């Protein structure tokens, strides 16, 4: 299988490079004009050039946006026939990958993925006199202008912004400054190495709480490597869980119809009518084409369908700034319903095979165990060699008990 839940993602090497060239050729024939961007990884230029070569070699046109956040490509795809982002998102620097977007910002459909996979074996190279065209393209300006048109200006609000040396550095500092935010910037330069692990989790961001408090900031916003994710801290320096951030957005936007994933808290159902999808932002964006006002998943991928169907970290940051100008974020967090959620990842080279053996129809969708007091989702990661477990209960003991049931399911397979 070429495509996972978030596009193509691999350890950087010959296999990924070969895939980039051939995938580009398929896109050049199918899409014609392709908007191309990349994150800040050191392997980005080589992989982007290979994808561009494939597009050009099949007679397509490349509009090169350079180093930009993924949502800039998702939004800008409307100006072309497709968008391609070279990124491994929150994965470590030794990984890279390829995300392909439709003009509405959603990931390409499963049918389009199958078509690309079929064409890779016999790439549609064009004759020497039918080669494509490559030009530069400013994708950041129309994207930033659109965000600022949709979100309100603020004044007197101070926030800490941590881009983690990722592609968010190219947009979020200027965007939030134009909105009126007084910024303290951390790692907001597009270096090829990340100063911290790219995934914006509480354990990777322990230094931020004290900084928020010392600066008297209203909170902090944080991106992963390609800024399709955004997580936040409140004004007391507390990391806001993904479930609570989802609920804050639902409440502020007044969203009555919300799409989220199978691993999101059951508490969100107390605020809105909810439809759940398998884990992965591509599933959420696909469902939002049919139903819903807002969508997201607790990992920090937030989708605003009126703007784009691509998960959008800088847009979410601008929305958070607007909220912080009107609300005491910490007090709002404290008022939200909350049930204990525990997560665990188990390294496993054969995660997909294990989940199939356990009876999952799709390994990355996983198996959900439920009872009256909680649930546990056991699934293969779509981006890493891991089995992920997420459990929630009406109290901490029940959450741990549900997590234990998930572990027991895996242990039972090992001992069989």
Protein backbone atom coordinates (compact mmCIF):
# COMPACT_ATOMS: atom_id res chain seq x y z
CA UNK A 1 0.00 0.00 0.00
CA UNK A 2 1.48 3.35 -1.08
CA UNK A 3 -0.83 5.77 0.74
CA UNK A 4 -1.42 5.71 4.49
CA UNK A 5 -3.87 7.74 6.54
CA UNK A 6 -1.82 10.90 5.90
CA UNK A 7 -0.43 10.39 2.42
CA UNK A 8 2.92 8.75 1.70
CA UNK A 9 5.37 8.74 4.59
CA UNK A 10 8.64 6.84 4.92
CA UNK A 11 12.13 6.98 6.31
CA UNK A 12 14.07 9.04 3.78
CA UNK A 13 15.91 6.85 1.28
CA UNK A 14 15.88 5.45 -2.21
CA UNK A 15 12.40 3.93 -1.94
CA UNK A 16 10.83 7.28 -1.04
CA UNK A 17 12.81 9.13 -3.71
CA UNK A 18 11.79 6.66 -6.42
CA UNK A 19 8.19 6.94 -5.27
CA UNK A 20 8.36 10.73 -5.44
CA UNK A 21 9.46 10.74 -9.07
CA UNK A 22 6.84 8.22 -10.19
CA UNK A 23 4.02 9.73 -8.13
CA UNK A 24 4.87 13.10 -9.67
CA UNK A 25 4.55 11.64 -13.16
CA UNK A 26 1.08 10.30 -12.38
CA UNK A 27 0.00 13.68 -11.01
CA UNK A 28 1.43 15.47 -14.03
CA UNK A 29 -0.79 13.44 -16.32
CA UNK A 30 -3.89 13.47 -14.11
CA UNK A 31 -3.88 16.97 -12.65
CA UNK A 32 -2.02 19.13 -15.13
CA UNK A 33 -1.13 22.14 -12.96
CA UNK A 34 0.17 21.28 -9.47
CA UNK A 35 0.98 23.61 -6.56
CA UNK A 36 4.10 22.26 -4.80
CA UNK A 37 5.43 23.09 -1.33
CA UNK A 38 7.69 21.58 1.30
CA UNK A 39 8.45 21.87 4.98
CA UNK A 40 11.85 22.69 6.48
CA UNK A 41 13.43 19.22 6.52
CA UNK A 42 16.91 18.87 5.07
CA UNK A 43 15.65 16.20 2.67
CA UNK A 44 12.85 18.45 1.41
CA UNK A 45 14.64 20.03 -1.58
CA UNK A 46 15.72 16.67 -3.02
CA UNK A 47 12.29 15.06 -2.67
CA UNK A 48 10.46 18.15 -3.92
CA UNK A 49 12.70 18.29 -6.98
CA UNK A 50 12.04 14.61 -7.72
CA UNK A 51 8.27 15.11 -7.50
CA UNK A 52 8.58 18.21 -9.69
CA UNK A 53 10.67 16.28 -12.23
CA UNK A 54 7.97 13.62 -12.44
CA UNK A 55 5.24 16.21 -12.99
CA UNK A 56 7.26 18.01 -15.66
CA UNK A 57 8.28 14.77 -17.34
CA UNK A 58 4.63 13.81 -17.76
CA UNK A 59 3.82 17.18 -19.31
CA UNK A 60 2.34 18.83 -16.21
CA UNK A 61 2.92 22.30 -14.81
CA UNK A 62 4.56 22.97 -11.43
CA UNK A 63 3.85 26.08 -9.39
CA UNK A 64 6.56 26.03 -6.74
CA UNK A 65 5.64 27.73 -3.45
CA UNK A 66 8.90 26.76 -1.69
CA UNK A 67 8.94 26.32 2.09
CA UNK A 68 5.38 26.84 3.37
CA UNK A 69 2.99 25.24 5.88
CA UNK A 70 0.83 22.39 4.62
CA UNK A 71 -2.41 24.42 4.97
CA UNK A 72 -0.99 27.03 2.58
CA UNK A 73 -0.81 24.30 -0.06
CA UNK A 74 -4.24 22.96 0.92
CA UNK A 75 -5.76 26.43 0.53
CA UNK A 76 -3.74 27.33 -2.57
CA UNK A 77 -4.66 24.14 -4.42
CA UNK A 78 -7.82 25.99 -5.56
CA UNK A 79 -5.63 28.08 -7.85
CA UNK A 80 -4.34 24.92 -9.57
CA UNK A 81 -5.64 21.43 -10.29
CA UNK A 82 -4.01 19.78 -7.25
CA UNK A 83 -1.62 20.49 -4.42
CA UNK A 84 1.39 18.48 -3.25
CA UNK A 85 3.18 19.00 0.06
CA UNK A 86 6.54 17.41 0.82
CA UNK A 87 6.40 16.71 4.54
CA UNK A 88 6.39 14.07 7.22
CA UNK A 89 4.34 16.39 9.45
CA UNK A 90 5.04 15.62 13.13
CA UNK A 91 7.47 12.74 12.46
CA UNK A 92 11.20 13.09 13.28
CA UNK A 93 13.60 14.61 10.74
CA UNK A 94 14.72 11.27 9.32
CA UNK A 95 11.24 10.81 7.84
CA UNK A 96 9.74 12.61 4.88
CA UNK A 97 6.64 12.14 2.80
CA UNK A 98 4.16 13.37 0.22
CA UNK A 99 0.62 14.69 0.79
CA UNK A 100 -1.67 15.23 -2.20
CA UNK A 101 -4.64 17.62 -2.07
CA UNK A 102 -7.71 18.25 -4.18
CA UNK A 103 -8.60 21.86 -5.05
CA UNK A 104 -10.93 22.11 -2.03
CA UNK A 105 -8.03 21.32 0.33
CA UNK A 106 -9.12 17.77 1.15
CA UNK A 107 -6.85 14.79 0.65
CA UNK A 108 -7.35 13.02 -2.65
CA UNK A 109 -10.00 10.31 -2.64
CA UNK A 110 -9.28 6.59 -2.19
CA UNK A 111 -10.21 6.13 -5.87
CA UNK A 112 -7.58 8.67 -6.93
CA UNK A 113 -5.03 6.99 -4.68
CA UNK A 114 -5.71 3.64 -6.35
CA UNK A 115 -5.33 5.23 -9.78
CA UNK A 116 -1.96 6.73 -8.84
CA UNK A 117 -0.75 3.44 -7.39
CA UNK A 118 -1.71 1.71 -10.64
CA UNK A 119 0.11 4.21 -12.83
CA UNK A 120 3.37 4.12 -10.90
CA UNK A 121 4.27 0.79 -12.50
CA UNK A 122 4.09 2.36 -15.98
CA UNK A 123 4.62 6.11 -15.60
CA UNK A 124 3.15 8.26 -18.39
CA UNK A 125 6.30 10.05 -19.58
CA UNK A 126 5.78 12.68 -22.28
CA UNK A 127 7.84 13.19 -25.42
CA UNK A 128 10.80 15.58 -25.37
CA UNK A 129 8.77 18.37 -26.98
CA UNK A 130 5.83 18.02 -24.57
CA UNK A 131 7.59 18.61 -21.28
CA UNK A 132 5.95 20.70 -18.58
CA UNK A 133 6.56 24.14 -17.16
CA UNK A 134 7.90 25.21 -13.73
CA UNK A 135 7.34 28.64 -12.16
CA UNK A 136 7.49 30.17 -8.70
CA UNK A 137 4.22 30.93 -6.94
CA UNK A 138 3.44 33.13 -3.91
CA UNK A 139 0.95 30.98 -2.02
CA UNK A 140 1.43 32.64 1.39
CA UNK A 141 -0.07 36.04 0.57
CA UNK A 142 -3.54 34.89 -0.59
CA UNK A 143 -3.66 32.37 2.25
CA UNK A 144 -2.80 34.92 4.97
CA UNK A 145 -5.14 37.52 3.49
CA UNK A 146 -7.99 35.00 3.54
CA UNK A 147 -7.37 34.05 7.19
CA UNK A 148 -7.27 37.68 8.30
CA UNK A 149 -10.46 38.41 6.38
CA UNK A 150 -12.25 35.62 8.27
CA UNK A 151 -10.84 36.21 11.77
CA UNK A 152 -11.17 39.37 13.84
CA UNK A 153 -8.29 41.70 14.69
CA UNK A 154 -7.19 41.81 18.32
CA UNK A 155 -5.41 44.31 20.53
CA UNK A 156 -3.58 44.06 23.83
CA UNK A 157 -3.27 40.27 23.62
CA UNK A 158 0.13 38.69 24.23
CA UNK A 159 0.83 35.11 23.15
CA UNK A 160 3.83 32.85 22.99
CA UNK A 161 4.29 31.22 19.57
CA UNK A 162 6.41 28.06 19.19
CA UNK A 163 6.92 26.93 15.59
CA UNK A 164 9.51 24.28 16.49
CA UNK A 165 11.73 25.36 13.53
CA UNK A 166 9.05 24.08 11.18
CA UNK A 167 7.24 25.53 8.20
CA UNK A 168 4.84 27.46 10.43
CA UNK A 169 7.73 29.91 10.81
CA UNK A 170 7.01 31.14 7.28
CA UNK A 171 3.45 32.26 8.06
CA UNK A 172 2.30 32.29 11.68
CA UNK A 173 4.62 35.02 13.11
CA UNK A 174 3.64 37.51 10.40
CA UNK A 175 -0.01 36.43 10.37
CA UNK A 176 -0.52 36.83 14.12
CA UNK A 177 1.42 40.09 14.16
CA UNK A 178 -0.83 41.47 11.41
CA UNK A 179 -3.82 40.37 13.48
CA UNK A 180 -2.52 42.52 16.35
CA UNK A 181 -1.03 39.89 18.67
CA UNK A 182 2.00 40.83 20.78
CA UNK A 183 4.24 37.81 20.18
CA UNK A 184 7.05 36.08 21.98
CA UNK A 185 8.50 33.78 19.33
CA UNK A 186 10.25 30.49 20.09
CA UNK A 187 12.05 28.53 17.34
CA UNK A 188 10.30 30.60 14.66
CA UNK A 189 13.12 30.22 12.14
CA UNK A 190 12.87 27.58 9.38
CA UNK A 191 15.87 25.43 10.33
CA UNK A 192 16.40 22.00 8.82
CA UNK A 193 16.52 20.40 12.25
CA UNK A 194 13.86 20.64 14.95
CA UNK A 195 14.91 22.07 18.30
CA UNK A 196 12.32 19.84 19.99
CA UNK A 197 10.40 16.74 18.91
CA UNK A 198 8.01 17.93 16.23
CA UNK A 199 4.81 16.43 17.63
CA UNK A 200 3.20 19.13 19.85
CA UNK A 201 2.44 17.03 22.93
CA UNK A 202 2.56 18.08 26.58
CA UNK A 203 5.71 16.07 27.29
CA UNK A 204 7.57 17.78 24.43
CA UNK A 205 6.55 21.28 25.59
CA UNK A 206 7.22 21.30 29.33
CA UNK A 207 9.24 24.52 29.05
CA UNK A 208 6.33 26.60 27.72
CA UNK A 209 4.12 26.86 30.80
CA UNK A 210 6.66 28.84 32.81
CA UNK A 211 7.38 31.10 29.85
CA UNK A 212 3.67 31.91 29.44
CA UNK A 213 3.45 32.85 33.11
CA UNK A 214 6.68 34.89 33.16
CA UNK A 215 5.61 36.90 30.11
CA UNK A 216 2.10 37.49 31.44
CA UNK A 217 0.77 36.06 28.18
CA UNK A 218 -2.82 35.03 27.55
CA UNK A 219 -1.54 31.66 26.38
CA UNK A 220 0.65 29.95 23.82
CA UNK A 221 0.14 28.35 20.43
CA UNK A 222 2.34 25.59 19.08
CA UNK A 223 2.85 23.97 15.66
CA UNK A 224 4.33 20.72 14.41
CA UNK A 225 6.80 20.50 11.52
CA UNK A 226 4.40 21.42 8.73
CA UNK A 227 1.92 23.45 10.82
CA UNK A 228 -1.12 21.41 9.91
CA UNK A 229 -1.46 20.98 13.68
CA UNK A 230 -1.91 23.55 16.43
CA UNK A 231 -1.99 22.97 20.17
CA UNK A 232 -2.23 25.56 22.93
CA UNK A 233 -1.60 26.63 26.54
CA UNK A 234 -3.91 28.78 28.65
CA UNK A 235 -2.90 31.91 30.55
CA UNK A 236 -2.03 29.91 33.66
CA UNK A 237 0.60 28.04 31.67
CA UNK A 238 -1.41 24.82 31.43
CA UNK A 239 -1.30 22.66 28.34
CA UNK A 240 -4.81 22.39 26.89
CA UNK A 241 -5.65 18.82 25.93
CA UNK A 242 -6.72 18.16 22.36
CA UNK A 243 -10.19 17.17 23.53
CA UNK A 244 -10.63 20.42 25.45
CA UNK A 245 -9.27 22.48 22.57
CA UNK A 246 -11.78 20.76 20.29
CA UNK A 247 -14.57 21.68 22.70
CA UNK A 248 -13.33 25.29 23.02
CA UNK A 249 -13.50 25.71 19.26
CA UNK A 250 -16.95 24.09 19.13
CA UNK A 251 -18.25 26.41 21.83
CA UNK A 252 -16.70 29.60 20.43
CA UNK A 253 -17.78 28.90 16.84
CA UNK A 254 -21.26 27.87 17.97
CA UNK A 255 -20.89 24.71 15.88
CA UNK A 256 -23.87 22.38 16.20
CA UNK A 257 -22.65 19.68 13.80
CA UNK A 258 -19.13 18.45 14.48
CA UNK A 259 -17.02 15.75 12.85
CA UNK A 260 -14.31 14.15 14.98
CA UNK A 261 -12.48 10.86 15.30
CA UNK A 262 -13.11 7.64 17.18
CA UNK A 263 -10.46 8.52 19.77
CA UNK A 264 -11.96 11.91 20.76
CA UNK A 265 -13.60 12.31 24.15
CA UNK A 266 -17.24 11.40 24.62
CA UNK A 267 -17.56 14.78 26.41
CA UNK A 268 -17.80 16.64 23.08
CA UNK A 269 -21.18 14.99 22.57
CA UNK A 270 -22.48 17.15 25.42
CA UNK A 271 -21.85 20.27 23.31
CA UNK A 272 -22.88 19.29 19.77
CA UNK A 273 -24.22 16.61 17.49
CA UNK A 274 -21.20 14.50 16.57
CA UNK A 275 -20.26 12.19 13.74
CA UNK A 276 -17.16 10.07 14.26
CA UNK A 277 -14.67 8.82 11.70
CA UNK A 278 -11.61 6.58 11.89
CA UNK A 279 -8.49 8.33 13.20
CA UNK A 280 -6.88 10.52 10.54
CA UNK A 281 -7.64 14.03 9.34
CA UNK A 282 -8.31 12.80 5.79
CA UNK A 283 -11.36 10.91 7.11
CA UNK A 284 -12.58 14.03 8.93
CA UNK A 285 -12.21 16.27 5.87
CA UNK A 286 -13.95 13.69 3.68
CA UNK A 287 -16.93 13.57 6.05
CA UNK A 288 -17.03 17.37 6.16
CA UNK A 289 -17.71 17.41 2.41
CA UNK A 290 -21.06 15.79 3.26
CA UNK A 291 -21.98 17.09 6.72
CA UNK A 292 -20.80 19.33 9.53
CA UNK A 293 -19.75 22.87 10.38
CA UNK A 294 -16.38 22.13 11.99
CA UNK A 295 -14.10 19.15 12.45
CA UNK A 296 -10.92 18.03 14.11
CA UNK A 297 -9.10 15.41 16.09
CA UNK A 298 -7.36 15.57 19.49
CA UNK A 299 -3.90 15.36 17.91
CA UNK A 300 -4.29 19.04 16.96
CA UNK A 301 -5.65 18.86 13.40
CA UNK A 302 -8.47 21.42 13.09
CA UNK A 303 -10.51 21.78 9.91
CA UNK A 304 -12.63 24.83 9.07
CA UNK A 305 -14.66 23.84 6.00
CA UNK A 306 -15.73 27.39 5.20
CA UNK A 307 -12.05 28.18 4.66
CA UNK A 308 -10.49 24.93 3.46
CA UNK A 309 -10.78 21.19 4.04
CA UNK A 310 -7.10 20.96 4.95
CA UNK A 311 -6.12 20.84 8.65
CA UNK A 312 -4.98 24.36 9.41
CA UNK A 313 -2.62 25.29 12.25
CA UNK A 314 -2.12 29.00 11.49
CA UNK A 315 -5.88 29.52 11.03
CA UNK A 316 -6.46 27.79 14.38
CA UNK A 317 -3.80 30.03 15.95
CA UNK A 318 -5.56 33.17 14.68
CA UNK A 319 -8.87 31.81 15.98
CA UNK A 320 -7.30 31.09 19.37
CA UNK A 321 -5.97 34.67 19.52
CA UNK A 322 -9.48 35.96 18.80
CA UNK A 323 -10.86 33.75 21.58
CA UNK A 324 -8.19 34.89 24.03
CA UNK A 325 -9.17 38.51 23.36
CA UNK A 326 -12.76 37.78 24.42
CA UNK A 327 -12.43 34.99 26.98
CA UNK A 328 -10.42 33.98 29.99
CA UNK A 329 -9.27 30.76 28.31
CA UNK A 330 -8.31 29.09 31.59
CA UNK A 331 -11.76 29.71 33.07
CA UNK A 332 -13.40 28.35 29.91
CA UNK A 333 -11.28 25.21 30.08
CA UNK A 334 -12.26 24.68 33.71
CA UNK A 335 -15.95 24.92 32.78
CA UNK A 336 -15.78 22.15 30.15
CA UNK A 337 -16.94 18.59 30.79
CA UNK A 338 -14.00 16.30 31.34
CA UNK A 339 -13.44 12.56 31.54
CA UNK A 340 -10.02 10.98 32.02
CA UNK A 341 -8.29 9.93 28.79
CA UNK A 342 -5.11 7.88 28.71
CA UNK A 343 -2.99 7.11 25.67
CA UNK A 344 -0.16 4.71 25.05
CA UNK A 345 1.99 3.75 22.06
CA UNK A 346 3.65 0.37 21.71
CA UNK A 347 6.53 0.00 19.25
CA UNK A 348 5.67 -2.78 16.80
CA UNK A 349 7.24 -3.42 13.40
CA UNK A 350 4.23 -5.53 12.38
CA UNK A 351 1.45 -3.35 13.73
CA UNK A 352 -0.76 -3.74 10.66
CA UNK A 353 -0.47 -7.52 10.68
CA UNK A 354 -1.27 -7.65 14.41
CA UNK A 355 -4.46 -5.62 13.97
CA UNK A 356 -5.57 -7.71 11.02
CA UNK A 357 -5.00 -10.85 13.08
CA UNK A 358 -7.11 -9.33 15.87
CA UNK A 359 -9.99 -8.86 13.45
CA UNK A 360 -9.74 -5.23 12.36
CA UNK A 361 -11.12 -4.58 8.88
CA UNK A 362 -8.61 -1.75 8.47
CA UNK A 363 -5.54 -1.79 10.77
CA UNK A 364 -5.35 2.01 11.04
CA UNK A 365 -9.06 2.23 11.88
CA UNK A 366 -8.48 -0.36 14.58
CA UNK A 367 -10.78 -2.06 17.07
CA UNK A 368 -12.90 -0.19 19.60
CA UNK A 369 -13.78 -1.88 22.90
CA UNK A 370 -16.72 -0.36 24.77
CA UNK A 371 -18.79 -0.73 27.91
CA UNK A 372 -21.10 1.55 29.88
CA UNK A 373 -18.24 3.29 31.68
CA UNK A 374 -15.79 3.91 28.85
CA UNK A 375 -14.03 2.71 25.73
CA UNK A 376 -10.61 1.79 24.34
CA UNK A 377 -9.42 2.13 20.75
CA UNK A 378 -6.59 -0.16 19.61
CA UNK A 379 -5.17 0.73 16.19
CA UNK A 380 -2.07 0.58 14.05
CA UNK A 381 -0.45 3.95 13.47
CA UNK A 382 -0.80 5.18 9.90
CA UNK A 383 2.55 6.95 10.02
CA UNK A 384 4.87 5.01 12.35
CA UNK A 385 5.61 1.37 13.30
CA UNK A 386 3.47 1.52 16.43
CA UNK A 387 0.24 0.26 17.94
CA UNK A 388 -1.68 3.13 19.52
CA UNK A 389 -4.10 2.69 22.43
CA UNK A 390 -6.53 5.38 23.59
CA UNK A 391 -8.93 4.85 26.48
CA UNK A 392 -11.50 6.99 28.26
CA UNK A 393 -13.59 6.32 31.35
CA UNK A 394 -16.08 8.06 33.58
CA UNK A 395 -13.26 8.16 36.16
CA UNK A 396 -9.50 7.55 36.17
CA UNK A 397 -9.80 3.97 37.40
CA UNK A 398 -12.18 3.08 34.58
CA UNK A 399 -9.96 4.72 31.98
CA UNK A 400 -6.98 2.69 33.18
CA UNK A 401 -9.12 -0.44 33.24
CA UNK A 402 -10.17 0.14 29.62
CA UNK A 403 -6.54 0.69 28.63
CA UNK A 404 -5.73 -2.59 30.34
CA UNK A 405 -8.36 -4.34 28.23
CA UNK A 406 -6.63 -3.04 25.13
CA UNK A 407 -3.24 -4.28 26.32
CA UNK A 408 -4.81 -7.65 27.19
CA UNK A 409 -6.13 -7.95 23.63
CA UNK A 410 -2.61 -7.52 22.27
CA UNK A 411 -1.09 -9.88 24.86
CA UNK A 412 -3.67 -12.53 23.97
CA UNK A 413 -2.56 -12.34 20.33
CA UNK A 414 1.14 -12.63 21.33
CA UNK A 415 0.47 -15.71 23.44
CA UNK A 416 -1.73 -17.39 20.83
